[in-house]
Protein backbone atom coordinates (compact mmCIF):
# COMPACT_ATOMS: atom_id res chain seq x y z
CA MET A 1 107.08 22.47 -5.75
CA GLN A 2 108.95 20.32 -8.32
CA LEU A 3 108.62 16.75 -7.38
CA PRO A 4 111.86 14.39 -7.59
CA LEU A 5 110.06 12.44 -10.42
CA SER A 6 110.53 12.88 -14.16
CA PHE A 7 109.39 11.20 -17.29
CA ASP A 8 110.66 10.54 -20.79
CA PRO A 9 109.52 13.44 -22.93
CA VAL A 10 109.84 11.32 -26.10
CA LEU A 11 107.42 8.85 -24.67
CA LEU A 12 104.97 11.47 -23.40
CA ARG A 13 104.95 12.96 -27.04
CA ARG A 14 104.39 9.62 -28.51
CA ASP A 15 101.43 8.91 -26.34
CA LEU A 16 100.08 12.40 -27.30
CA GLU A 17 100.35 11.45 -30.96
CA ALA A 18 98.57 8.37 -30.58
CA LEU A 19 95.45 10.66 -29.60
CA SER A 20 95.99 12.90 -32.67
CA ALA A 21 92.67 11.95 -34.13
CA THR A 22 90.88 12.39 -30.77
CA PRO A 23 88.61 15.42 -30.36
CA TRP A 24 89.53 18.10 -27.85
CA THR A 25 86.59 19.43 -25.59
CA SER A 26 86.66 23.19 -24.98
CA HIS A 27 87.14 23.87 -21.23
CA PHE A 28 83.56 24.88 -19.92
CA VAL A 29 84.62 27.81 -17.76
CA ARG A 30 84.83 30.08 -20.60
CA GLN A 31 85.01 33.36 -18.47
CA ASN A 32 88.32 31.95 -17.31
CA TYR A 33 90.24 32.09 -20.80
CA GLU A 34 90.51 33.71 -24.12
CA GLY A 35 91.50 31.41 -27.25
CA ASP A 36 91.55 27.50 -27.05
CA TRP A 37 91.96 25.76 -23.68
CA SER A 38 90.90 22.31 -24.26
CA VAL A 39 90.89 18.77 -22.73
CA ILE A 40 90.98 15.03 -23.40
CA PRO A 41 89.89 13.03 -20.41
CA LEU A 42 92.04 9.98 -19.41
CA ARG A 43 90.35 9.10 -16.19
CA CYS A 44 86.95 10.61 -15.22
CA THR A 45 84.10 10.05 -12.84
CA ALA A 46 82.56 6.62 -13.33
CA GLY A 47 79.50 6.58 -15.27
CA GLU A 48 80.16 9.95 -17.16
CA THR A 49 79.63 9.78 -21.03
CA HIS A 50 78.96 13.31 -21.92
CA PRO A 51 82.21 15.25 -22.93
CA ILE A 52 81.68 18.01 -20.82
CA ARG A 53 81.09 15.94 -17.70
CA MET A 54 83.91 13.64 -18.65
CA ILE A 55 86.53 16.69 -18.29
CA TYR A 56 85.06 18.02 -15.12
CA SER A 57 87.17 16.93 -12.05
CA ASP A 58 84.21 16.64 -9.62
CA PRO A 59 85.41 17.06 -6.06
CA THR A 60 82.50 15.18 -4.75
CA ALA A 61 82.83 12.11 -6.72
CA THR A 62 84.15 9.10 -5.26
CA GLU A 63 84.65 6.63 -8.06
CA PHE A 64 86.80 7.43 -11.05
CA VAL A 65 87.64 4.98 -13.98
CA ASP A 66 89.98 5.15 -17.05
CA THR A 67 88.43 6.43 -20.33
CA LEU A 68 88.73 4.57 -23.54
CA PHE A 69 91.40 7.24 -24.58
CA LEU A 70 93.99 5.85 -22.01
CA ASP A 71 93.89 2.48 -23.86
CA ALA A 72 96.19 3.97 -26.77
CA CYS A 73 98.44 5.52 -24.22
CA PRO A 74 101.01 2.92 -22.49
CA TYR A 75 103.31 5.57 -21.20
CA PHE A 76 100.39 7.78 -19.70
CA ARG A 77 99.28 4.86 -17.90
CA ALA A 78 102.89 4.15 -16.46
CA VAL A 79 103.07 7.76 -15.46
CA ILE A 80 99.89 7.53 -13.60
CA ALA A 81 101.04 4.25 -12.02
CA ALA A 82 104.24 6.06 -10.86
CA PHE A 83 102.20 7.93 -8.27
CA ALA A 84 101.64 5.63 -5.40
CA CYS A 85 98.19 7.13 -4.44
CA GLU A 86 94.77 7.26 -5.78
CA ALA A 87 94.36 8.76 -9.06
CA ARG A 88 91.09 10.62 -9.36
CA SER A 89 90.67 12.81 -12.46
CA VAL A 90 93.49 12.60 -15.11
CA ARG A 91 93.31 14.88 -18.06
CA LEU A 92 95.48 16.23 -20.95
CA MET A 93 94.87 19.97 -20.91
CA ARG A 94 95.91 22.03 -24.06
CA LEU A 95 96.51 25.74 -24.35
CA THR A 96 97.05 26.73 -28.03
CA PRO A 97 99.33 29.48 -29.33
CA GLY A 98 98.09 33.01 -28.42
CA SER A 99 95.57 31.73 -25.78
CA VAL A 100 95.35 32.89 -22.26
CA ILE A 101 93.99 31.52 -18.99
CA LYS A 102 93.02 34.45 -16.97
CA GLU A 103 93.99 34.79 -13.13
CA HIS A 104 91.77 32.68 -11.14
CA THR A 105 91.67 30.13 -8.13
CA ASP A 106 90.52 26.72 -7.92
CA LEU A 107 89.23 26.12 -4.30
CA ASP A 108 90.33 23.04 -2.35
CA LEU A 109 93.07 22.09 -4.72
CA GLY A 110 95.87 21.81 -2.18
CA VAL A 111 97.22 18.91 -0.30
CA GLU A 112 95.93 20.59 2.92
CA SER A 113 92.35 19.70 1.55
CA GLY A 114 93.34 16.22 0.82
CA THR A 115 93.86 16.58 -2.90
CA ALA A 116 96.90 17.51 -5.08
CA ARG A 117 96.99 18.49 -8.56
CA ILE A 118 100.20 17.46 -10.29
CA HIS A 119 101.29 18.88 -13.67
CA VAL A 120 103.49 16.85 -15.97
CA PRO A 121 104.25 18.95 -19.17
CA VAL A 122 104.02 16.93 -22.41
CA THR A 123 104.75 19.81 -25.00
CA THR A 124 105.57 23.35 -23.93
CA ASN A 125 107.77 26.23 -25.34
CA PRO A 126 109.89 28.86 -23.59
CA ASP A 127 107.11 31.56 -24.34
CA VAL A 128 104.71 29.78 -21.86
CA GLU A 129 104.15 31.90 -18.97
CA PHE A 130 102.52 30.21 -15.90
CA LEU A 131 102.16 32.52 -13.05
CA LEU A 132 101.37 31.27 -9.41
CA ASN A 133 100.81 34.11 -6.96
CA ARG A 134 102.06 36.32 -9.81
CA ARG A 135 105.35 34.62 -9.86
CA ARG A 136 106.82 32.51 -12.84
CA VAL A 137 106.87 28.79 -12.65
CA ASP A 138 109.10 27.37 -15.48
CA MET A 139 107.98 23.84 -16.02
CA LYS A 140 109.96 21.64 -18.58
CA GLU A 141 108.76 18.60 -20.43
CA GLY A 142 108.73 15.45 -18.42
CA GLN A 143 109.00 17.25 -15.08
CA ALA A 144 106.41 16.69 -12.40
CA TRP A 145 105.07 19.67 -10.39
CA TYR A 146 102.61 20.18 -7.53
CA LEU A 147 100.91 23.48 -7.78
CA ARG A 148 98.64 24.92 -4.85
CA LEU A 149 96.11 26.11 -7.32
CA GLY A 150 93.91 27.44 -4.51
CA ASP A 151 96.20 30.42 -4.99
CA PRO A 152 95.73 32.87 -7.85
CA HIS A 153 97.45 31.53 -11.07
CA ALA A 154 97.38 32.49 -14.76
CA VAL A 155 98.90 31.00 -17.99
CA ALA A 156 99.65 32.64 -21.30
CA ASN A 157 101.01 30.77 -24.25
CA ARG A 158 102.90 33.28 -26.24
CA GLY A 159 104.77 30.81 -28.23
CA THR A 160 104.04 29.19 -31.69
CA SER A 161 103.39 25.64 -30.50
CA ASP A 162 100.70 24.08 -28.25
CA ARG A 163 101.35 23.75 -24.48
CA VAL A 164 99.78 20.30 -23.43
CA HIS A 165 100.19 19.20 -19.75
CA LEU A 166 99.14 15.74 -18.27
CA VAL A 167 97.10 16.88 -15.21
CA LEU A 168 96.52 14.43 -12.48
CA ASP A 169 94.24 15.03 -9.36
CA LEU A 170 95.62 12.66 -6.71
CA MET A 171 94.44 11.90 -3.16
CA ALA A 172 97.06 13.24 -0.74
CA ASN A 173 98.36 10.02 1.07
CA ASP A 174 101.38 9.52 3.32
CA TRP A 175 103.47 8.64 0.22
CA LEU A 176 102.69 11.82 -1.49
CA MET A 177 103.02 13.86 1.65
CA GLY A 178 106.52 12.46 2.12
CA PHE A 179 107.62 14.82 -0.72
CA PHE A 180 106.62 17.82 1.47
CA ASP A 181 108.35 16.24 4.49
CA SER A 182 111.56 15.98 2.82
CA ALA A 183 111.38 19.36 1.29
CA GLY A 184 110.81 20.76 4.76
CA ASP A 185 107.69 22.42 3.46
CA MET A 186 104.90 20.29 5.14
CA PRO A 187 101.60 22.08 4.91
CA SER A 188 99.01 21.18 7.54
CA ARG A 189 96.67 18.53 5.86
CA ARG A 190 92.90 18.69 6.36
CA VAL A 191 91.42 15.09 6.20
CA PRO A 192 88.37 14.72 4.08
CA ILE A 193 85.24 13.61 5.99
CA SER A 194 83.62 10.70 4.32
């Protein structure tokens, strides 16, 4: 579902360029992709310092902090702040040309489980094919998309430029659930037990 929020593609790219010297960490679930699928963590579980653990969106973690990478990115900070709910893990996720994320599911990534994953494309191209339930989702730079990734999904970058998304894992509060109310597509939400 496309959310009624949009962000300036020029400012998104400016912040991405500010991180041009930052190393990308290869995604750790190597059986799920071919090519280069890599990550820069902007928010991570508190206390994590190892690059692999910093890019992991731990569903059991309760405390998240900004990483030093976010310091150079005022617009990414503004995008995160535009969501009136708790931001947990926030990452830049890159899929380079010719790379493929194989079809898989991410359990407990749906608003009904209390967590919403939002994608904001920073850079993309017309030859990126994102399939959710084997149907193409065409996401443009600066748009905001909720994707229920507990369903089967796959991505292929058949273009000649990187596809980079700002990926936010958010707690599904009343503000966020209001988007589903207004769309008439309100899923049942399971409240996490603390």
